Amino acid sequence: MAEPRPARRPGWRPRDLLRLAGSASYDLLRRAYAFALIVLIFWVSFAAMKYLVVSLVAPLETPAQVRAIPSRMDEELLHGRRPDWLGLRSVENPRAPLAYYHRLTSWLPPDNANTCTRSGCHGPLPHANRIEVRAFLNMHAASIHCGVCHMEHERTPLSLTWYDRESGRASEAPVLLRALSLLQELGDPPRADDDARARLSDLLRRAARAADNDAALERSAAHLAAVRAATPSFPRIVREARDVVNTSLRGAYGVKLALKDAAGRPVLAHPGTAAAIERYLREGPRATPEQREALLAAVHPFRRPAAIVCTDCHRKTGGVLDLAAAGYPPSRIQQLQTPAIFQMIEHIGRGADFHMPQIVTTPVEPRAPHTQPAPR
């Protein structure tokens, strides 16, 4: 008989060791994953609660883009030589201090022919005292000379002329207003007229040059030059051009409106006041209130006792401005004579309560009762 084999001594086989190590590793991985998930949930919950509490208790700091906007207009800012603050450019153009000029997408161009600002007496944004209305008043400085509102004049409506803000010479009505007239003539949807398309493109290109090479007007002119009136994209391009023109109507003219003298020249200063201006600049800072008033009276011999207010100009009949004679097309005249906006501004200026005008709200019709009233 064969000799019996000795019994195998108990122990771990390599396969068992590998299986045990794999099971332990898998269990450890699951526990680590669960622990990491718990930590993540706790961290997200803490961050959310912290954000909520901090937001409610401590208001957020004003963004740097807003804090960096200058609060005063100076020469460096006016001429666009200050690239040191965030928000210097909004869309394509630099912008004025927010509290002094309500436009965010365009700049106030310097008026080198305006003696009021060129003399050093007044800033390019001259209205500063009344915080309620100064931005709306300064808006007019882009297209109207100071004398229109602040100088005495015999005629009503006022005798006006456009003038070039670089040379001070009398000028034609703004090219942009002629472009607006042509856009109205094209209708909506616009008719397919290649001659009108070419004229409109030329007017917009000239308007862009007059408005310090306005990028939006230049793009519209280029788009109109690149298509034909019979193409499907022509109506869309005309509508876009109409939007650009309407956005640019608040001063992107290159010319400004001023009083006109008997010879047809623009009145850009109080006549014969050069010496009075020099004396005021020399003696004004040290003068007493009474002396200062006398100096100012010599500088402004034709000053109105009270400036023109909104309703003096923005009215359908009896206004001091003849907008049609100044070259405004009927559609723009209708916009300027719509009372909702300027009446609201006058109410704000008088300290009256502000109510949102209906042009920006949806009127709510009274609802009919669902049941009949109970009999008495």
Protein backbone atom coordinates (compact mmCIF):
# COMPACT_ATOMS: atom_id res chain seq x y z
CA MET A 1 0.00 0.00 0.00
CA ALA A 2 1.07 3.53 -0.73
CA GLU A 3 2.19 5.55 2.18
CA PRO A 4 -0.42 8.20 3.09
CA ARG A 5 0.45 11.82 2.24
CA PRO A 6 0.91 14.07 5.21
CA ALA A 7 -1.93 16.56 5.86
CA ARG A 8 -1.41 20.14 4.45
CA ARG A 9 -0.70 22.67 7.12
CA PRO A 10 -3.38 25.36 7.36
CA GLY A 11 -2.39 28.80 5.90
CA TRP A 12 -3.26 31.62 3.42
CA ARG A 13 -3.06 31.00 -0.23
CA PRO A 14 -1.99 33.91 -2.51
CA ARG A 15 -5.43 33.96 -4.14
CA ASP A 16 -7.11 34.41 -0.77
CA LEU A 17 -4.76 37.20 0.12
CA LEU A 18 -5.50 39.04 -3.11
CA ARG A 19 -9.25 38.60 -2.65
CA LEU A 20 -9.06 39.92 0.92
CA ALA A 21 -6.94 42.92 -0.11
CA GLY A 22 -9.35 43.78 -2.92
CA SER A 23 -12.36 43.58 -0.62
CA ALA A 24 -10.65 45.80 1.96
CA SER A 25 -9.63 48.33 -0.70
CA TYR A 26 -13.17 48.48 -2.13
CA ASP A 27 -14.65 48.96 1.33
CA LEU A 28 -12.12 51.69 2.10
CA LEU A 29 -12.90 53.43 -1.20
CA ARG A 30 -16.64 53.39 -0.47
CA ARG A 31 -16.08 54.82 2.98
CA ALA A 32 -13.75 57.50 1.64
CA TYR A 33 -16.29 58.45 -1.05
CA ALA A 34 -19.09 58.65 1.53
CA PHE A 35 -16.92 60.76 3.84
CA ALA A 36 -15.93 63.12 1.00
CA LEU A 37 -19.59 63.49 -0.02
CA ILE A 38 -20.57 64.32 3.56
CA VAL A 39 -17.80 66.92 3.79
CA LEU A 40 -18.86 68.45 0.45
CA ILE A 41 -22.52 68.66 1.51
CA PHE A 42 -21.57 70.29 4.80
CA TRP A 43 -19.26 72.77 3.03
CA VAL A 44 -21.86 73.74 0.40
CA SER A 45 -24.53 74.14 3.08
CA PHE A 46 -22.22 76.31 5.19
CA ALA A 47 -21.24 78.46 2.20
CA ALA A 48 -24.88 78.94 1.19
CA MET A 49 -25.96 79.89 4.70
CA LYS A 50 -22.98 82.21 5.09
CA TYR A 51 -23.77 83.94 1.77
CA LEU A 52 -27.42 84.32 2.76
CA VAL A 53 -26.65 85.74 6.19
CA VAL A 54 -23.89 88.05 4.95
CA SER A 55 -26.05 89.30 2.06
CA LEU A 56 -28.90 90.15 4.42
CA VAL A 57 -26.84 91.63 7.25
CA ALA A 58 -23.95 93.29 5.39
CA PRO A 59 -24.75 94.87 1.97
CA LEU A 60 -22.34 94.11 -0.83
CA GLU A 61 -19.65 96.63 -1.64
CA THR A 62 -20.23 98.92 -4.61
CA PRO A 63 -18.61 97.42 -7.74
CA ALA A 64 -15.27 98.89 -8.76
CA GLN A 65 -16.68 99.87 -12.16
CA VAL A 66 -19.19 102.13 -10.43
CA ARG A 67 -16.82 103.50 -7.77
CA ALA A 68 -14.34 104.48 -10.46
CA ILE A 69 -16.78 106.67 -12.40
CA PRO A 70 -15.67 110.28 -11.79
CA SER A 71 -18.10 112.59 -10.04
CA ARG A 72 -16.75 115.80 -11.57
CA MET A 73 -16.05 116.86 -15.13
CA ASP A 74 -12.59 118.23 -15.84
CA GLU A 75 -10.60 118.95 -18.99
CA GLU A 76 -8.82 115.59 -19.00
CA LEU A 77 -12.11 113.75 -18.72
CA LEU A 78 -13.86 115.89 -21.32
CA HIS A 79 -11.25 115.23 -23.98
CA GLY A 80 -11.10 111.51 -23.23
CA ARG A 81 -7.54 111.45 -21.95
CA ARG A 82 -8.29 109.46 -18.79
CA PRO A 83 -7.99 105.72 -19.39
CA ASP A 84 -7.32 105.13 -15.69
CA TRP A 85 -10.84 104.31 -14.55
CA LEU A 86 -13.02 101.31 -15.31
CA GLY A 87 -16.10 102.02 -17.34
CA LEU A 88 -14.46 104.80 -19.38
CA ARG A 89 -16.08 103.28 -22.44
CA SER A 90 -19.68 102.22 -22.64
CA VAL A 91 -20.50 100.57 -25.97
CA GLU A 92 -18.17 102.47 -28.35
CA ASN A 93 -17.86 105.86 -26.66
CA PRO A 94 -16.55 107.25 -23.37
CA ARG A 95 -19.15 108.60 -21.02
CA ALA A 96 -19.76 111.53 -18.72
CA PRO A 97 -20.23 111.43 -14.95
CA LEU A 98 -23.47 109.58 -14.32
CA ALA A 99 -24.96 112.20 -11.99
CA TYR A 100 -24.45 115.03 -14.47
CA TYR A 101 -25.37 113.55 -17.83
CA HIS A 102 -28.04 110.92 -18.29
CA ARG A 103 -26.66 109.38 -21.48
CA LEU A 104 -24.59 106.21 -21.03
CA THR A 105 -23.86 105.35 -24.65
CA SER A 106 -22.55 108.63 -26.02
CA TRP A 107 -20.15 111.39 -25.15
CA LEU A 108 -20.59 115.14 -24.79
CA PRO A 109 -18.40 116.63 -27.54
CA PRO A 110 -16.43 119.80 -26.72
CA ASP A 111 -17.90 123.04 -28.09
CA ASN A 112 -14.92 125.16 -29.05
CA ALA A 113 -17.14 128.03 -30.23
CA ASN A 114 -19.16 128.43 -27.02
CA THR A 115 -17.79 131.43 -25.13
CA CYS A 116 -19.68 130.43 -21.97
CA THR A 117 -17.56 127.30 -21.54
CA ARG A 118 -14.45 128.35 -23.46
CA SER A 119 -13.93 131.39 -21.21
CA GLY A 120 -13.51 129.18 -18.15
CA CYS A 121 -16.60 130.49 -16.37
CA HIS A 122 -18.86 127.48 -16.96
CA GLY A 123 -18.13 123.81 -17.40
CA PRO A 124 -19.29 121.76 -20.39
CA LEU A 125 -21.96 120.28 -18.10
CA PRO A 126 -23.04 123.57 -16.54
CA HIS A 127 -26.09 122.46 -14.56
CA ALA A 128 -24.92 121.09 -11.23
CA ASN A 129 -26.93 122.56 -8.37
CA ARG A 130 -30.28 120.80 -8.63
CA ILE A 131 -29.67 117.10 -8.42
CA GLU A 132 -33.26 116.29 -9.41
CA VAL A 133 -33.05 117.71 -12.94
CA ARG A 134 -29.41 118.49 -13.74
CA ALA A 135 -28.85 115.39 -15.89
CA PHE A 136 -31.86 116.24 -18.07
CA LEU A 137 -30.78 119.87 -18.39
CA ASN A 138 -27.21 118.92 -19.27
CA MET A 139 -28.56 116.66 -22.00
CA HIS A 140 -29.48 119.81 -23.95
CA ALA A 141 -25.87 121.04 -23.82
CA ALA A 142 -25.02 118.53 -26.56
CA SER A 143 -27.28 120.18 -29.16
CA ILE A 144 -28.32 123.65 -27.91
CA HIS A 145 -26.23 126.72 -27.08
CA CYS A 146 -26.64 128.22 -23.60
CA GLY A 147 -28.12 131.44 -24.99
CA VAL A 148 -31.24 129.75 -26.35
CA CYS A 149 -32.51 129.21 -22.81
CA HIS A 150 -30.67 131.94 -20.90
CA MET A 151 -30.53 135.04 -23.17
CA GLU A 152 -33.28 137.59 -23.73
CA HIS A 153 -34.65 137.70 -27.25
CA GLU A 154 -37.32 139.86 -28.83
CA ARG A 155 -38.90 137.41 -31.26
CA THR A 156 -41.22 134.51 -30.46
CA PRO A 157 -40.66 131.96 -31.81
CA LEU A 158 -36.95 132.51 -31.42
CA SER A 159 -34.80 133.28 -34.44
CA LEU A 160 -32.40 130.35 -34.55
CA THR A 161 -29.60 128.92 -36.64
CA TRP A 162 -27.36 125.88 -36.47
CA TYR A 163 -23.63 126.48 -36.04
CA ASP A 164 -20.50 124.37 -36.33
CA ARG A 165 -19.09 123.68 -32.86
CA GLU A 166 -15.51 123.82 -34.15
CA SER A 167 -15.58 127.03 -36.21
CA GLY A 168 -18.65 128.78 -34.80
CA ARG A 169 -19.96 129.57 -38.29
CA ALA A 170 -23.60 129.19 -39.29
CA SER A 171 -24.39 125.75 -40.68
CA GLU A 172 -27.15 123.77 -42.32
CA ALA A 173 -29.47 121.55 -40.32
CA PRO A 174 -27.83 118.34 -39.08
CA VAL A 175 -27.33 115.62 -41.66
CA LEU A 176 -28.79 113.16 -39.16
CA LEU A 177 -32.18 114.92 -39.29
CA ARG A 178 -32.19 114.58 -43.08
CA ALA A 179 -31.41 110.89 -42.70
CA LEU A 180 -34.36 110.58 -40.33
CA SER A 181 -36.65 112.29 -42.88
CA LEU A 182 -35.53 109.86 -45.58
CA LEU A 183 -36.12 106.89 -43.28
CA GLN A 184 -39.66 108.10 -42.69
CA GLU A 185 -40.21 108.50 -46.45
CA LEU A 186 -39.12 104.90 -47.05
CA GLY A 187 -41.97 103.69 -44.85
CA ASP A 188 -42.28 100.57 -42.75
CA PRO A 189 -41.79 98.05 -44.25
CA PRO A 190 -39.44 100.08 -46.46
CA ARG A 191 -40.02 100.19 -50.16
CA ALA A 192 -37.33 98.79 -52.45
CA ASP A 193 -35.66 101.96 -53.73
CA ASP A 194 -31.97 101.74 -54.62
CA ASP A 195 -31.61 105.50 -55.10
CA ALA A 196 -33.01 106.14 -51.62
CA ARG A 197 -30.77 103.38 -50.22
CA ALA A 198 -27.66 105.02 -51.69
CA ARG A 199 -28.70 108.48 -50.44
CA LEU A 200 -29.40 107.11 -46.97
CA SER A 201 -26.02 105.39 -46.83
CA ASP A 202 -24.30 108.65 -47.81
CA LEU A 203 -26.26 110.66 -45.22
CA LEU A 204 -25.41 108.21 -42.45
CA ARG A 205 -21.73 108.24 -43.41
CA ARG A 206 -21.68 112.04 -43.29
CA ALA A 207 -23.60 112.00 -40.01
CA ALA A 208 -21.02 109.62 -38.55
CA ARG A 209 -18.18 111.99 -39.50
CA ALA A 210 -20.05 114.93 -37.96
CA ALA A 211 -20.53 112.92 -34.75
CA ASP A 212 -16.82 112.26 -34.19
CA ASN A 213 -16.83 109.13 -36.38
CA ASP A 214 -19.67 107.46 -34.52
CA ALA A 215 -19.16 103.70 -34.93
CA ALA A 216 -22.85 102.74 -34.94
CA LEU A 217 -23.70 105.22 -37.71
CA GLU A 218 -20.68 104.09 -39.73
CA ARG A 219 -21.77 100.45 -39.48
CA SER A 220 -25.30 101.28 -40.63
CA ALA A 221 -23.93 103.23 -43.59
CA ALA A 222 -21.65 100.33 -44.55
CA HIS A 223 -24.47 97.78 -44.29
CA LEU A 224 -26.73 99.87 -46.53
CA ALA A 225 -23.93 100.29 -49.07
CA ALA A 226 -23.33 96.53 -49.20
CA VAL A 227 -26.87 95.43 -50.15
CA ARG A 228 -29.43 96.10 -52.83
CA ALA A 229 -32.94 97.27 -52.10
CA ALA A 230 -34.42 94.12 -53.63
CA THR A 231 -32.58 91.73 -51.29
CA PRO A 232 -34.49 90.07 -48.40
CA SER A 233 -32.13 91.62 -45.82
CA PHE A 234 -32.85 95.21 -46.88
CA PRO A 235 -35.92 95.76 -44.64
CA ARG A 236 -34.04 94.48 -41.60
CA ILE A 237 -31.04 96.73 -42.30
CA VAL A 238 -33.31 99.76 -42.70
CA ARG A 239 -35.05 99.01 -39.41
CA GLU A 240 -31.67 98.69 -37.69
CA ALA A 241 -30.58 102.01 -39.23
CA ARG A 242 -33.78 103.62 -37.93
CA ASP A 243 -32.99 102.40 -34.42
CA VAL A 244 -29.43 103.73 -34.63
CA VAL A 245 -30.61 107.13 -35.86
CA ASN A 246 -33.21 107.40 -33.11
CA THR A 247 -30.54 106.57 -30.53
CA SER A 248 -28.22 109.25 -31.96
CA LEU A 249 -30.79 112.05 -32.05
CA ARG A 250 -29.86 113.40 -28.62
CA GLY A 251 -26.86 115.43 -29.68
CA ALA A 252 -24.76 113.41 -32.16
CA TYR A 253 -25.08 116.19 -34.72
CA GLY A 254 -21.71 117.93 -35.01
CA VAL A 255 -23.65 121.22 -34.98
CA LYS A 256 -25.67 123.02 -32.31
CA LEU A 257 -28.67 125.33 -32.27
CA ALA A 258 -28.13 128.98 -31.26
CA LEU A 259 -29.85 132.35 -31.40
CA LYS A 260 -29.39 134.24 -34.67
CA ASP A 261 -28.62 137.95 -35.02
CA ALA A 262 -29.93 140.30 -37.71
CA ALA A 263 -27.07 139.35 -40.05
CA GLY A 264 -27.84 135.63 -39.75
CA ARG A 265 -24.83 134.85 -37.57
CA PRO A 266 -25.09 132.67 -34.46
CA VAL A 267 -25.01 134.52 -31.13
CA LEU A 268 -22.41 132.60 -29.13
CA ALA A 269 -21.68 135.15 -26.39
CA HIS A 270 -23.05 138.27 -24.74
CA PRO A 271 -21.82 141.05 -27.06
CA GLY A 272 -18.97 143.24 -25.84
CA THR A 273 -18.26 141.34 -22.64
CA ALA A 274 -14.67 140.18 -23.20
CA ALA A 275 -13.25 142.74 -20.76
CA ALA A 276 -15.98 141.96 -18.20
CA ILE A 277 -15.15 138.26 -18.39
CA GLU A 278 -11.45 138.91 -17.76
CA ARG A 279 -12.30 141.15 -14.82
CA TYR A 280 -14.61 138.54 -13.33
CA LEU A 281 -12.01 135.80 -13.63
CA ARG A 282 -9.42 138.09 -12.05
CA GLU A 283 -11.49 139.59 -9.22
CA GLY A 284 -14.37 137.15 -8.75
CA PRO A 285 -12.68 134.70 -6.34
CA ARG A 286 -11.91 137.51 -3.87
CA ALA A 287 -15.07 139.56 -4.34
CA THR A 288 -17.82 140.02 -1.78
CA PRO A 289 -21.31 138.69 -2.64
CA GLU A 290 -22.43 142.19 -3.70
CA GLN A 291 -19.33 142.74 -5.84
CA ARG A 292 -19.72 139.30 -7.35
CA GLU A 293 -23.32 140.05 -8.39
CA ALA A 294 -22.18 143.27 -10.07
CA LEU A 295 -19.41 141.44 -11.93
CA LEU A 296 -21.83 138.74 -13.10
CA ALA A 297 -24.32 141.36 -14.29
CA ALA A 298 -21.59 142.91 -16.44
CA VAL A 299 -20.74 139.50 -17.91
CA HIS A 300 -24.41 138.65 -18.66
CA PRO A 301 -26.10 141.87 -19.86
CA PHE A 302 -28.78 139.98 -21.83
CA ARG A 303 -29.50 137.25 -19.30
CA ARG A 304 -33.10 136.21 -18.82
CA PRO A 305 -34.48 136.74 -15.31
CA ALA A 306 -35.53 133.08 -15.39
CA ALA A 307 -34.43 130.41 -17.85
CA ILE A 308 -36.82 128.81 -20.30
CA VAL A 309 -38.56 125.75 -18.88
CA CYS A 310 -39.54 122.52 -20.62
CA THR A 311 -43.09 123.51 -21.55
CA ASP A 312 -41.90 126.74 -23.19
CA CYS A 313 -40.36 124.67 -25.99
CA HIS A 314 -41.99 121.24 -25.86
CA ARG A 315 -45.54 122.22 -26.72
CA LYS A 316 -47.64 121.85 -29.84
CA THR A 317 -48.78 125.49 -30.06
CA GLY A 318 -47.30 128.74 -28.82
CA GLY A 319 -43.82 127.38 -28.18
CA VAL A 320 -40.71 129.56 -28.30
CA LEU A 321 -39.02 127.17 -30.77
CA ASP A 322 -40.09 126.65 -34.37
CA LEU A 323 -38.82 123.09 -34.73
CA ALA A 324 -39.96 122.73 -38.35
CA ALA A 325 -38.03 125.86 -39.36
CA ALA A 326 -34.98 124.45 -37.59
CA GLY A 327 -35.08 121.40 -39.85
CA TYR A 328 -36.70 118.81 -37.60
CA PRO A 329 -38.84 116.27 -39.50
CA PRO A 330 -42.48 115.76 -38.45
CA SER A 331 -41.80 112.46 -36.69
CA ARG A 332 -39.13 114.02 -34.47
CA ILE A 333 -41.30 117.07 -33.76
CA GLN A 334 -44.06 114.76 -32.58
CA GLN A 335 -41.63 113.02 -30.23
CA LEU A 336 -40.36 116.31 -28.81
CA GLN A 337 -43.88 117.59 -28.22
CA THR A 338 -45.15 114.49 -26.41
CA PRO A 339 -45.87 115.85 -22.92
CA ALA A 340 -45.41 112.79 -20.70
CA ILE A 341 -41.64 113.05 -20.26
CA PHE A 342 -41.09 116.79 -19.92
CA GLN A 343 -44.10 117.25 -17.66
CA MET A 344 -42.66 114.55 -15.41
CA ILE A 345 -39.32 116.40 -15.31
CA GLU A 346 -41.03 119.66 -14.37
CA HIS A 347 -42.92 117.86 -11.61
CA ILE A 348 -39.65 116.48 -10.27
CA GLY A 349 -38.10 119.95 -10.42
CA ARG A 350 -40.96 121.36 -8.34
CA GLY A 351 -40.49 118.64 -5.74
CA ALA A 352 -43.78 116.93 -6.58
CA ASP A 353 -44.34 113.20 -6.14
CA PHE A 354 -43.04 111.08 -8.98
CA HIS A 355 -45.53 108.79 -10.71
CA MET A 356 -44.50 106.38 -13.45
CA PRO A 357 -45.92 107.66 -16.78
CA GLN A 358 -48.35 105.42 -18.63
CA ILE A 359 -46.05 105.14 -21.65
CA VAL A 360 -43.87 102.72 -19.67
CA THR A 361 -46.62 100.87 -17.84
CA THR A 362 -49.39 98.57 -18.99
CA PRO A 363 -52.79 100.06 -18.19
CA VAL A 364 -54.94 97.71 -16.16
CA GLU A 365 -58.59 97.63 -17.13
CA PRO A 366 -61.05 97.35 -14.25
CA ARG A 367 -62.36 93.81 -13.99
CA ALA A 368 -66.10 93.17 -14.10
CA PRO A 369 -67.59 91.55 -10.98
CA HIS A 370 -68.16 87.82 -11.21
CA THR A 371 -71.31 87.93 -9.10
CA GLN A 372 -74.26 90.24 -8.85
CA PRO A 373 -74.53 92.45 -5.78
CA ALA A 374 -76.73 91.06 -3.04
CA PRO A 375 -80.30 92.41 -3.07
CA ARG A 376 -81.13 94.84 -0.32
